[in-house]
PDB file of N, CA and C in Angstrom:
ATOM      1  N   MET A   1       4.009 -18.852 -24.477  1.00  0.00           N
ATOM      2  CA  MET A   1       2.964 -17.829 -24.409  1.00  0.00           C
ATOM      3  C   MET A   1       2.237 -17.876 -23.072  1.00  0.00           C
ATOM      4  N   LYS A   2       2.048 -19.106 -22.551  1.00  0.00           N
ATOM      5  CA  LYS A   2       1.338 -19.247 -21.307  1.00  0.00           C
ATOM      6  C   LYS A   2       2.156 -18.636 -20.141  1.00  0.00           C
ATOM      7  N   LYS A   3       3.472 -18.733 -20.249  1.00  0.00           N
ATOM      8  CA  LYS A   3       4.343 -18.165 -19.200  1.00  0.00           C
ATOM      9  C   LYS A   3       4.218 -16.628 -19.195  1.00  0.00           C
ATOM     10  N   ILE A   4       4.065 -16.040 -20.351  1.00  0.00           N
ATOM     11  CA  ILE A   4       3.939 -14.587 -20.448  1.00  0.00           C
ATOM     12  C   ILE A   4       2.615 -14.121 -19.846  1.00  0.00           C
ATOM     13  N   THR A   5       1.536 -14.810 -20.161  1.00  0.00           N
ATOM     14  CA  THR A   5       0.235 -14.419 -19.610  1.00  0.00           C
ATOM     15  C   THR A   5       0.176 -14.643 -18.084  1.00  0.00           C
ATOM     16  N   THR A   6       0.857 -15.699 -17.604  1.00  0.00           N
ATOM     17  CA  THR A   6       0.936 -15.904 -16.171  1.00  0.00           C
ATOM     18  C   THR A   6       1.681 -14.785 -15.510  1.00  0.00           C
ATOM     19  N   SER A   7       2.784 -14.363 -16.134  1.00  0.00           N
ATOM     20  CA  SER A   7       3.589 -13.292 -15.569  1.00  0.00           C
ATOM     21  C   SER A   7       2.803 -11.957 -15.576  1.00  0.00           C
ATOM     22  N   ILE A   8       2.082 -11.686 -16.677  1.00  0.00           N
ATOM     23  CA  ILE A   8       1.269 -10.473 -16.731  1.00  0.00           C
ATOM     24  C   ILE A   8       0.152 -10.491 -15.687  1.00  0.00           C
ATOM     25  N   SER A   9      -0.490 -11.650 -15.527  1.00  0.00           N
ATOM     26  CA  SER A   9      -1.558 -11.716 -14.545  1.00  0.00           C
ATOM     27  C   SER A   9      -0.988 -11.606 -13.127  1.00  0.00           C
ATOM     28  N   ALA A  10       0.233 -12.072 -12.883  1.00  0.00           N
ATOM     29  CA  ALA A  10       0.846 -11.914 -11.595  1.00  0.00           C
ATOM     30  C   ALA A  10       1.136 -10.450 -11.303  1.00  0.00           C
ATOM     31  N   TYR A  11       1.627  -9.757 -12.334  1.00  0.00           N
ATOM     32  CA  TYR A  11       1.881  -8.315 -12.180  1.00  0.00           C
ATOM     33  C   TYR A  11       0.602  -7.532 -11.950  1.00  0.00           C
ATOM     34  N   THR A  12      -0.442  -7.883 -12.649  1.00  0.00           N
ATOM     35  CA  THR A  12      -1.724  -7.216 -12.488  1.00  0.00           C
ATOM     36  C   THR A  12      -2.298  -7.420 -11.086  1.00  0.00           C
ATOM     37  N   LEU A  13      -2.244  -8.644 -10.614  1.00  0.00           N
ATOM     38  CA  LEU A  13      -2.705  -8.951  -9.268  1.00  0.00           C
ATOM     39  C   LEU A  13      -1.868  -8.225  -8.207  1.00  0.00           C
ATOM     40  N   ALA A  14      -0.554  -8.247  -8.404  1.00  0.00           N
ATOM     41  CA  ALA A  14       0.327  -7.569  -7.419  1.00  0.00           C
ATOM     42  C   ALA A  14       0.068  -6.056  -7.423  1.00  0.00           C
ATOM     43  N   PHE A  15      -0.113  -5.482  -8.610  1.00  0.00           N
ATOM     44  CA  PHE A  15      -0.364  -4.060  -8.689  1.00  0.00           C
ATOM     45  C   PHE A  15      -1.690  -3.701  -8.001  1.00  0.00           C
ATOM     46  N   THR A  16      -2.724  -4.491  -8.224  1.00  0.00           N
ATOM     47  CA  THR A  16      -4.018  -4.185  -7.620  1.00  0.00           C
ATOM     48  C   THR A  16      -3.987  -4.320  -6.102  1.00  0.00           C
ATOM     49  N   ILE A  17      -3.379  -5.376  -5.617  1.00  0.00           N
ATOM     50  CA  ILE A  17      -3.284  -5.564  -4.140  1.00  0.00           C
ATOM     51  C   ILE A  17      -2.456  -4.443  -3.511  1.00  0.00           C
ATOM     52  N   ALA A  18      -1.337  -4.109  -4.110  1.00  0.00           N
ATOM     53  CA  ALA A  18      -0.473  -3.058  -3.567  1.00  0.00           C
ATOM     54  C   ALA A  18      -1.152  -1.714  -3.599  1.00  0.00           C
ATOM     55  N   LEU A  19      -1.870  -1.429  -4.708  1.00  0.00           N
ATOM     56  CA  LEU A  19      -2.545  -0.145  -4.825  1.00  0.00           C
ATOM     57  C   LEU A  19      -3.663   0.011  -3.768  1.00  0.00           C
ATOM     58  N   VAL A  20      -4.425  -1.035  -3.555  1.00  0.00           N
ATOM     59  CA  VAL A  20      -5.544  -0.952  -2.594  1.00  0.00           C
ATOM     60  C   VAL A  20      -4.983  -0.878  -1.156  1.00  0.00           C
ATOM     61  N   TYR A  21      -4.019  -1.733  -0.822  1.00  0.00           N
ATOM     62  CA  TYR A  21      -3.497  -1.791   0.541  1.00  0.00           C
ATOM     63  C   TYR A  21      -2.762  -0.507   0.910  1.00  0.00           C
ATOM     64  N   VAL A  22      -1.850  -0.055   0.077  1.00  0.00           N
ATOM     65  CA  VAL A  22      -1.114   1.176   0.348  1.00  0.00           C
ATOM     66  C   VAL A  22      -2.027   2.406   0.204  1.00  0.00           C
ATOM     67  N   GLY A  23      -2.993   2.338  -0.709  1.00  0.00           N
ATOM     68  CA  GLY A  23      -3.921   3.439  -0.861  1.00  0.00           C
ATOM     69  C   GLY A  23      -4.770   3.689   0.368  1.00  0.00           C
ATOM     70  N   PHE A  24      -5.311   2.571   0.943  1.00  0.00           N
ATOM     71  CA  PHE A  24      -6.062   2.727   2.192  1.00  0.00           C
ATOM     72  C   PHE A  24      -5.208   3.235   3.317  1.00  0.00           C
ATOM     73  N   GLY A  25      -3.952   2.781   3.360  1.00  0.00           N
ATOM     74  CA  GLY A  25      -3.013   3.273   4.366  1.00  0.00           C
ATOM     75  C   GLY A  25      -2.729   4.750   4.236  1.00  0.00           C
ATOM     76  N   THR A  26      -2.582   5.210   2.978  1.00  0.00           N
ATOM     77  CA  THR A  26      -2.326   6.643   2.718  1.00  0.00           C
ATOM     78  C   THR A  26      -3.515   7.478   3.144  1.00  0.00           C
ATOM     79  N   ILE A  27      -4.709   7.056   2.814  1.00  0.00           N
ATOM     80  CA  ILE A  27      -5.904   7.788   3.226  1.00  0.00           C
ATOM     81  C   ILE A  27      -6.040   7.802   4.734  1.00  0.00           C
ATOM     82  N   ALA A  28      -5.698   6.677   5.364  1.00  0.00           N
ATOM     83  CA  ALA A  28      -5.804   6.646   6.845  1.00  0.00           C
ATOM     84  C   ALA A  28      -4.753   7.586   7.476  1.00  0.00           C
ATOM     85  N   VAL A  29      -3.548   7.634   6.949  1.00  0.00           N
ATOM     86  CA  VAL A  29      -2.543   8.554   7.511  1.00  0.00           C
ATOM     87  C   VAL A  29      -2.939   9.990   7.309  1.00  0.00           C
ATOM     88  N   CYS A  30      -3.579  10.277   6.173  1.00  0.00           N
ATOM     89  CA  CYS A  30      -4.026  11.634   5.918  1.00  0.00           C
ATOM     90  C   CYS A  30      -5.324  12.007   6.643  1.00  0.00           C
ATOM     91  N   SER A  31      -5.854  11.122   7.429  1.00  0.00           N
ATOM     92  CA  SER A  31      -7.073  11.330   8.188  1.00  0.00           C
ATOM     93  C   SER A  31      -6.858  11.194   9.705  1.00  0.00           C
ATOM     94  N   VAL A  32      -5.698  11.445  10.164  1.00  0.00           N
ATOM     95  CA  VAL A  32      -5.378  11.226  11.584  1.00  0.00           C
ATOM     96  C   VAL A  32      -5.870  12.346  12.456  1.00  0.00           C
ATOM     97  N   TYR A  33      -5.684  13.599  12.021  1.00  0.00           N
ATOM     98  CA  TYR A  33      -6.000  14.732  12.880  1.00  0.00           C
ATOM     99  C   TYR A  33      -7.427  15.209  12.677  1.00  0.00           C
ATOM    100  N   PRO A  34      -8.037  15.798  13.680  1.00  0.00           N
ATOM    101  CA  PRO A  34      -9.429  16.242  13.548  1.00  0.00           C
ATOM    102  C   PRO A  34      -9.628  17.348  12.482  1.00  0.00           C
ATOM    103  N   SER A  35      -8.573  18.028  12.126  1.00  0.00           N
ATOM    104  CA  SER A  35      -8.715  19.062  11.086  1.00  0.00           C
ATOM    105  C   SER A  35      -8.677  18.463   9.666  1.00  0.00           C
ATOM    106  N   ASP A  36      -8.408  17.183   9.555  1.00  0.00           N
ATOM    107  CA  ASP A  36      -8.338  16.540   8.215  1.00  0.00           C
ATOM    108  C   ASP A  36      -9.759  16.321   7.686  1.00  0.00           C
ATOM    109  N   PRO A  37      -9.939  16.338   6.360  1.00  0.00           N
ATOM    110  CA  PRO A  37     -11.271  16.232   5.783  1.00  0.00           C
ATOM    111  C   PRO A  37     -11.950  14.884   6.016  1.00  0.00           C
ATOM    112  N   PHE A  38     -11.191  13.798   6.025  1.00  0.00           N
ATOM    113  CA  PHE A  38     -11.782  12.465   6.199  1.00  0.00           C
ATOM    114  C   PHE A  38     -11.668  11.912   7.616  1.00  0.00           C
ATOM    115  N   TYR A  39     -11.449  12.776   8.580  1.00  0.00           N
ATOM    116  CA  TYR A  39     -11.272  12.341   9.954  1.00  0.00           C
ATOM    117  C   TYR A  39     -12.533  11.658  10.489  1.00  0.00           C
ATOM    118  N   ASP A  40     -12.359  10.458  11.026  1.00  0.00           N
ATOM    119  CA  ASP A  40     -13.441   9.714  11.678  1.00  0.00           C
ATOM    120  C   ASP A  40     -12.817   8.532  12.413  1.00  0.00           C
ATOM    121  N   SER A  41     -13.614   7.760  13.064  1.00  0.00           N
ATOM    122  CA  SER A  41     -13.092   6.627  13.844  1.00  0.00           C
ATOM    123  C   SER A  41     -12.599   5.497  12.948  1.00  0.00           C
ATOM    124  N   TRP A  42     -13.013   5.448  11.701  1.00  0.00           N
ATOM    125  CA  TRP A  42     -12.579   4.397  10.805  1.00  0.00           C
ATOM    126  C   TRP A  42     -11.080   4.445  10.556  1.00  0.00           C
ATOM    127  N   SER A  43     -10.470   5.617  10.641  1.00  0.00           N
ATOM    128  CA  SER A  43      -9.027   5.737  10.356  1.00  0.00           C
ATOM    129  C   SER A  43      -8.182   5.004  11.356  1.00  0.00           C
ATOM    130  N   GLU A  44      -8.636   4.863  12.606  1.00  0.00           N
ATOM    131  CA  GLU A  44      -7.879   4.128  13.595  1.00  0.00           C
ATOM    132  C   GLU A  44      -7.739   2.624  13.193  1.00  0.00           C
ATOM    133  N   TRP A  45      -8.825   2.058  12.701  1.00  0.00           N
ATOM    134  CA  TRP A  45      -8.771   0.665  12.295  1.00  0.00           C
ATOM    135  C   TRP A  45      -7.886   0.454  11.082  1.00  0.00           C
ATOM    136  N   TRP A  46      -7.977   1.337  10.101  1.00  0.00           N
ATOM    137  CA  TRP A  46      -7.122   1.195   8.928  1.00  0.00           C
ATOM    138  C   TRP A  46      -5.674   1.462   9.240  1.00  0.00           C
ATOM    139  N   LEU A  47      -5.413   2.310  10.243  1.00  0.00           N
ATOM    140  CA  LEU A  47      -4.019   2.509  10.684  1.00  0.00           C
ATOM    141  C   LEU A  47      -3.452   1.209  11.247  1.00  0.00           C
ATOM    142  N   LEU A  48      -4.272   0.497  12.016  1.00  0.00           N
ATOM    143  CA  LEU A  48      -3.798  -0.772  12.553  1.00  0.00           C
ATOM    144  C   LEU A  48      -3.657  -1.854  11.494  1.00  0.00           C
ATOM    145  N   ILE A  49      -4.580  -1.912  10.550  1.00  0.00           N
ATOM    146  CA  ILE A  49      -4.533  -2.926   9.483  1.00  0.00           C
ATOM    147  C   ILE A  49      -3.350  -2.713   8.534  1.00  0.00           C
ATOM    148  N   THR A  50      -3.071  -1.453   8.193  1.00  0.00           N
ATOM    149  CA  THR A  50      -2.022  -1.157   7.247  1.00  0.00           C
ATOM    150  C   THR A  50      -0.754  -0.656   7.883  1.00  0.00           C
ATOM    151  N   PHE A  51      -0.551  -0.993   9.178  1.00  0.00           N
ATOM    152  CA  PHE A  51       0.635  -0.524   9.902  1.00  0.00           C
ATOM    153  C   PHE A  51       1.944  -0.827   9.261  1.00  0.00           C
ATOM    154  N   PRO A  52       2.165  -1.993   8.676  1.00  0.00           N
ATOM    155  CA  PRO A  52       3.492  -2.261   8.068  1.00  0.00           C
ATOM    156  C   PRO A  52       3.883  -1.290   6.938  1.00  0.00           C
ATOM    157  N   VAL A  53       2.918  -0.747   6.221  1.00  0.00           N
ATOM    158  CA  VAL A  53       3.273   0.154   5.106  1.00  0.00           C
ATOM    159  C   VAL A  53       3.132   1.611   5.479  1.00  0.00           C
ATOM    160  N   ILE A  54       2.612   1.924   6.665  1.00  0.00           N
ATOM    161  CA  ILE A  54       2.429   3.348   7.018  1.00  0.00           C
ATOM    162  C   ILE A  54       3.252   3.773   8.214  1.00  0.00           C
ATOM    163  N   VAL A  55       4.092   2.915   8.732  1.00  0.00           N
ATOM    164  CA  VAL A  55       4.788   3.235   9.975  1.00  0.00           C
ATOM    165  C   VAL A  55       5.701   4.446   9.792  1.00  0.00           C
ATOM    166  N   VAL A  56       6.395   4.574   8.671  1.00  0.00           N
ATOM    167  CA  VAL A  56       7.311   5.680   8.449  1.00  0.00           C
ATOM    168  C   VAL A  56       6.505   6.960   8.214  1.00  0.00           C
ATOM    169  N   SER A  57       5.514   6.902   7.341  1.00  0.00           N
ATOM    170  CA  SER A  57       4.733   8.110   7.066  1.00  0.00           C
ATOM    171  C   SER A  57       3.905   8.525   8.283  1.00  0.00           C
ATOM    172  N   PHE A  58       3.472   7.605   9.106  1.00  0.00           N
ATOM    173  CA  PHE A  58       2.748   7.980  10.328  1.00  0.00           C
ATOM    174  C   PHE A  58       3.688   8.691  11.280  1.00  0.00           C
ATOM    175  N   GLY A  59       4.918   8.223  11.383  1.00  0.00           N
ATOM    176  CA  GLY A  59       5.926   8.897  12.212  1.00  0.00           C
ATOM    177  C   GLY A  59       6.190  10.299  11.729  1.00  0.00           C
ATOM    178  N   TYR A  60       6.309  10.465  10.400  1.00  0.00           N
ATOM    179  CA  TYR A  60       6.477  11.824   9.850  1.00  0.00           C
ATOM    180  C   TYR A  60       5.280  12.678  10.120  1.00  0.00           C
ATOM    181  N   ARG A  61       4.104  12.143   9.923  1.00  0.00           N
ATOM    182  CA  ARG A  61       2.845  12.890  10.146  1.00  0.00           C
ATOM    183  C   ARG A  61       2.697  13.281  11.611  1.00  0.00           C
ATOM    184  N   TYR A  62       3.135  12.427  12.515  1.00  0.00           N
ATOM    185  CA  TYR A  62       3.099  12.750  13.924  1.00  0.00           C
ATOM    186  C   TYR A  62       4.025  13.912  14.249  1.00  0.00           C
ATOM    187  N   ALA A  63       5.206  13.956  13.584  1.00  0.00           N
ATOM    188  CA  ALA A  63       6.178  15.027  13.841  1.00  0.00           C
ATOM    189  C   ALA A  63       5.779  16.328  13.182  1.00  0.00           C
ATOM    190  N   GLU A  64       5.285  16.228  11.934  1.00  0.00           N
ATOM    191  CA  GLU A  64       4.910  17.437  11.172  1.00  0.00           C
ATOM    192  C   GLU A  64       3.512  17.252  10.640  1.00  0.00           C
ATOM    193  N   ALA A  65       2.539  17.867  11.292  1.00  0.00           N
ATOM    194  CA  ALA A  65       1.131  17.584  11.008  1.00  0.00           C
ATOM    195  C   ALA A  65       0.571  18.284   9.802  1.00  0.00           C
ATOM    196  N   HIS A  66       1.172  19.389   9.357  1.00  0.00           N
ATOM    197  CA  HIS A  66       0.500  20.231   8.362  1.00  0.00           C
ATOM    198  C   HIS A  66       1.002  20.016   6.950  1.00  0.00           C
ATOM    199  N   ILE A  67       2.138  19.437   6.746  1.00  0.00           N
ATOM    200  CA  ILE A  67       2.657  19.228   5.391  1.00  0.00           C
ATOM    201  C   ILE A  67       2.394  17.809   4.977  1.00  0.00           C
ATOM    202  N   LEU A  68       1.687  17.620   3.867  1.00  0.00           N
ATOM    203  CA  LEU A  68       1.289  16.257   3.443  1.00  0.00           C
ATOM    204  C   LEU A  68       2.149  15.714   2.278  1.00  0.00           C
ATOM    205  N   TRP A  69       2.789  16.542   1.491  1.00  0.00           N
ATOM    206  CA  TRP A  69       3.456  16.000   0.296  1.00  0.00           C
ATOM    207  C   TRP A  69       4.577  14.992   0.647  1.00  0.00           C
ATOM    208  N   PRO A  70       5.313  15.097   1.777  1.00  0.00           N
ATOM    209  CA  PRO A  70       6.278  14.067   2.096  1.00  0.00           C
ATOM    210  C   PRO A  70       5.602  12.723   2.409  1.00  0.00           C
ATOM    211  N   VAL A  71       4.403  12.780   2.936  1.00  0.00           N
ATOM    212  CA  VAL A  71       3.637  11.535   3.210  1.00  0.00           C
ATOM    213  C   VAL A  71       3.365  10.815   1.892  1.00  0.00           C
ATOM    214  N   PHE A  72       2.949  11.564   0.881  1.00  0.00           N
ATOM    215  CA  PHE A  72       2.680  10.964  -0.424  1.00  0.00           C
ATOM    216  C   PHE A  72       3.953  10.364  -1.081  1.00  0.00           C
ATOM    217  N   ILE A  73       5.099  11.040  -0.876  1.00  0.00           N
ATOM    218  CA  ILE A  73       6.342  10.525  -1.418  1.00  0.00           C
ATOM    219  C   ILE A  73       6.742   9.223  -0.714  1.00  0.00           C
ATOM    220  N   ILE A  74       6.611   9.225   0.603  1.00  0.00           N
ATOM    221  CA  ILE A  74       6.944   8.027   1.387  1.00  0.00           C
ATOM    222  C   ILE A  74       6.015   6.878   1.016  1.00  0.00           C
ATOM    223  N   GLN A  75       4.746   7.156   0.850  1.00  0.00           N
ATOM    224  CA  GLN A  75       3.778   6.118   0.478  1.00  0.00           C
ATOM    225  C   GLN A  75       3.997   5.624  -0.967  1.00  0.00           C
ATOM    226  N   PHE A  76       4.437   6.470  -1.853  1.00  0.00           N
ATOM    227  CA  PHE A  76       4.756   6.027  -3.184  1.00  0.00           C
ATOM    228  C   PHE A  76       5.947   5.038  -3.176  1.00  0.00           C
ATOM    229  N   ILE A  77       6.931   5.334  -2.375  1.00  0.00           N
ATOM    230  CA  ILE A  77       8.074   4.429  -2.214  1.00  0.00           C
ATOM    231  C   ILE A  77       7.602   3.109  -1.624  1.00  0.00           C
ATOM    232  N   MET A  78       6.722   3.157  -0.643  1.00  0.00           N
ATOM    233  CA  MET A  78       6.162   1.928  -0.076  1.00  0.00           C
ATOM    234  C   MET A  78       5.345   1.148  -1.077  1.00  0.00           C
ATOM    235  N   PHE A  79       4.588   1.870  -1.924  1.00  0.00           N
ATOM    236  CA  PHE A  79       3.823   1.180  -2.972  1.00  0.00           C
ATOM    237  C   PHE A  79       4.716   0.443  -3.906  1.00  0.00           C
ATOM    238  N   VAL A  80       5.779   1.069  -4.348  1.00  0.00           N
ATOM    239  CA  VAL A  80       6.703   0.402  -5.261  1.00  0.00           C
ATOM    240  C   VAL A  80       7.339  -0.823  -4.621  1.00  0.00           C
ATOM    241  N   SER A  81       7.770  -0.695  -3.354  1.00  0.00           N
ATOM    242  CA  SER A  81       8.382  -1.838  -2.709  1.00  0.00           C
ATOM    243  C   SER A  81       7.431  -2.985  -2.449  1.00  0.00           C
ATOM    244  N   VAL A  82       6.172  -2.649  -2.073  1.00  0.00           N
ATOM    245  CA  VAL A  82       5.169  -3.707  -1.882  1.00  0.00           C
ATOM    246  C   VAL A  82       4.838  -4.367  -3.213  1.00  0.00           C
ATOM    247  N   PHE A  83       4.740  -3.581  -4.292  1.00  0.00           N
ATOM    248  CA  PHE A  83       4.441  -4.117  -5.599  1.00  0.00           C
ATOM    249  C   PHE A  83       5.581  -5.072  -6.061  1.00  0.00           C
ATOM    250  N   LEU A  84       6.802  -4.669  -5.893  1.00  0.00           N
ATOM    251  CA  LEU A  84       7.927  -5.529  -6.288  1.00  0.00           C
ATOM    252  C   LEU A  84       7.980  -6.807  -5.471  1.00  0.00           C
ATOM    253  N   ALA A  85       7.716  -6.705  -4.165  1.00  0.00           N
ATOM    254  CA  ALA A  85       7.726  -7.892  -3.314  1.00  0.00           C
ATOM    255  C   ALA A  85       6.594  -8.859  -3.679  1.00  0.00           C
ATOM    256  N   LEU A  86       5.399  -8.303  -3.922  1.00  0.00           N
ATOM    257  CA  LEU A  86       4.296  -9.176  -4.272  1.00  0.00           C
ATOM    258  C   LEU A  86       4.471  -9.804  -5.652  1.00  0.00           C
ATOM    259  N   SER A  87       4.988  -9.032  -6.598  1.00  0.00           N
ATOM    260  CA  SER A  87       5.149  -9.593  -7.937  1.00  0.00           C
ATOM    261  C   SER A  87       6.213 -10.672  -7.938  1.00  0.00           C
ATOM    262  N   SER A  88       7.262 -10.522  -7.137  1.00  0.00           N
ATOM    263  CA  SER A  88       8.235 -11.600  -7.090  1.00  0.00           C
ATOM    264  C   SER A  88       7.672 -12.849  -6.399  1.00  0.00           C
ATOM    265  N   LEU A  89       6.813 -12.665  -5.389  1.00  0.00           N
ATOM    266  CA  LEU A  89       6.203 -13.787  -4.756  1.00  0.00           C
ATOM    267  C   LEU A  89       5.195 -14.500  -5.692  1.00  0.00           C
ATOM    268  N   LEU A  90       4.448 -13.719  -6.438  1.00  0.00           N
ATOM    269  CA  LEU A  90       3.434 -14.324  -7.304  1.00  0.00           C
ATOM    270  C   LEU A  90       3.993 -14.949  -8.568  1.00  0.00           C
ATOM    271  N   LYS A  91       5.205 -14.573  -8.951  1.00  0.00           N
ATOM    272  CA  LYS A  91       5.823 -15.164 -10.110  1.00  0.00           C
ATOM    273  C   LYS A  91       6.424 -16.514  -9.842  1.00  0.00           C
ATOM    274  N   LYS A  92       6.563 -16.855  -8.619  1.00  0.00           N
ATOM    275  CA  LYS A  92       7.137 -18.138  -8.282  1.00  0.00           C
ATOM    276  C   LYS A  92       6.266 -19.257  -8.834  1.00  0.00           C
ATOM    277  N   LYS A  93       6.852 -20.410  -9.018  1.00  0.00           N
ATOM    278  CA  LYS A  93       6.128 -21.502  -9.694  1.00  0.00           C
ATOM    279  C   LYS A  93       4.903 -21.996  -8.942  1.00  0.00           C
ATOM    280  N   LYS A  94       5.019 -22.114  -7.624  1.00  0.00           N
ATOM    281  CA  LYS A  94       3.901 -22.661  -6.849  1.00  0.00           C
ATOM    282  C   LYS A  94       2.672 -21.792  -6.933  1.00  0.00           C
ATOM    283  N   ILE A  95       2.846 -20.469  -6.799  1.00  0.00           N
ATOM    284  CA  ILE A  95       1.718 -19.574  -6.793  1.00  0.00           C
ATOM    285  C   ILE A  95       1.201 -19.380  -8.215  1.00  0.00           C
ATOM    286  N   SER A  96       2.099 -19.409  -9.212  1.00  0.00           N
ATOM    287  CA  SER A  96       1.651 -19.279 -10.618  1.00  0.00           C
ATOM    288  C   SER A  96       0.755 -20.428 -11.008  1.00  0.00           C
ATOM    289  N   LYS A  97       1.055 -21.612 -10.529  1.00  0.00           N
ATOM    290  CA  LYS A  97       0.151 -22.737 -10.822  1.00  0.00           C
ATOM    291  C   LYS A  97      -1.201 -22.566 -10.191  1.00  0.00           C
ATOM    292  N   TRP A  98      -1.229 -21.985  -8.982  1.00  0.00           N
ATOM    293  CA  TRP A  98      -2.504 -21.734  -8.295  1.00  0.00           C
ATOM    294  C   TRP A  98      -3.354 -20.757  -9.061  1.00  0.00           C
ATOM    295  N   MET A  99      -2.714 -19.749  -9.712  1.00  0.00           N
ATOM    296  CA  MET A  99      -3.484 -18.713 -10.399  1.00  0.00           C
ATOM    297  C   MET A  99      -4.166 -19.217 -11.670  1.00  0.00           C
ATOM    298  N   ASN A 100      -3.660 -20.316 -12.243  1.00  0.00           N
ATOM    299  CA  ASN A 100      -4.239 -20.801 -13.500  1.00  0.00           C
ATOM    300  C   ASN A 100      -5.416 -21.708 -13.283  1.00  0.00           C
TER     301      ASN A 100
END
């Protein structure tokens, strides 16, 4: 039973971290141009911080500035990949012991 709860807590932690990290990256990519609603200087910092997960969507946004739905699809794929990578890392024995 303890192994199941550790696995569930690892998934919950991985989901939360991936959602926040990729979510901030998505908002930053959607705030690049001055015509965007959330445009401000803060987006430059979040673009640098979340660069590993936004590099593809930023490249798309640079090429095509007005269509946003492909950015959301790319970021959803990045969210799933980050979630799977984090959950596999957190399920390992060393990190699972740390969480308890």
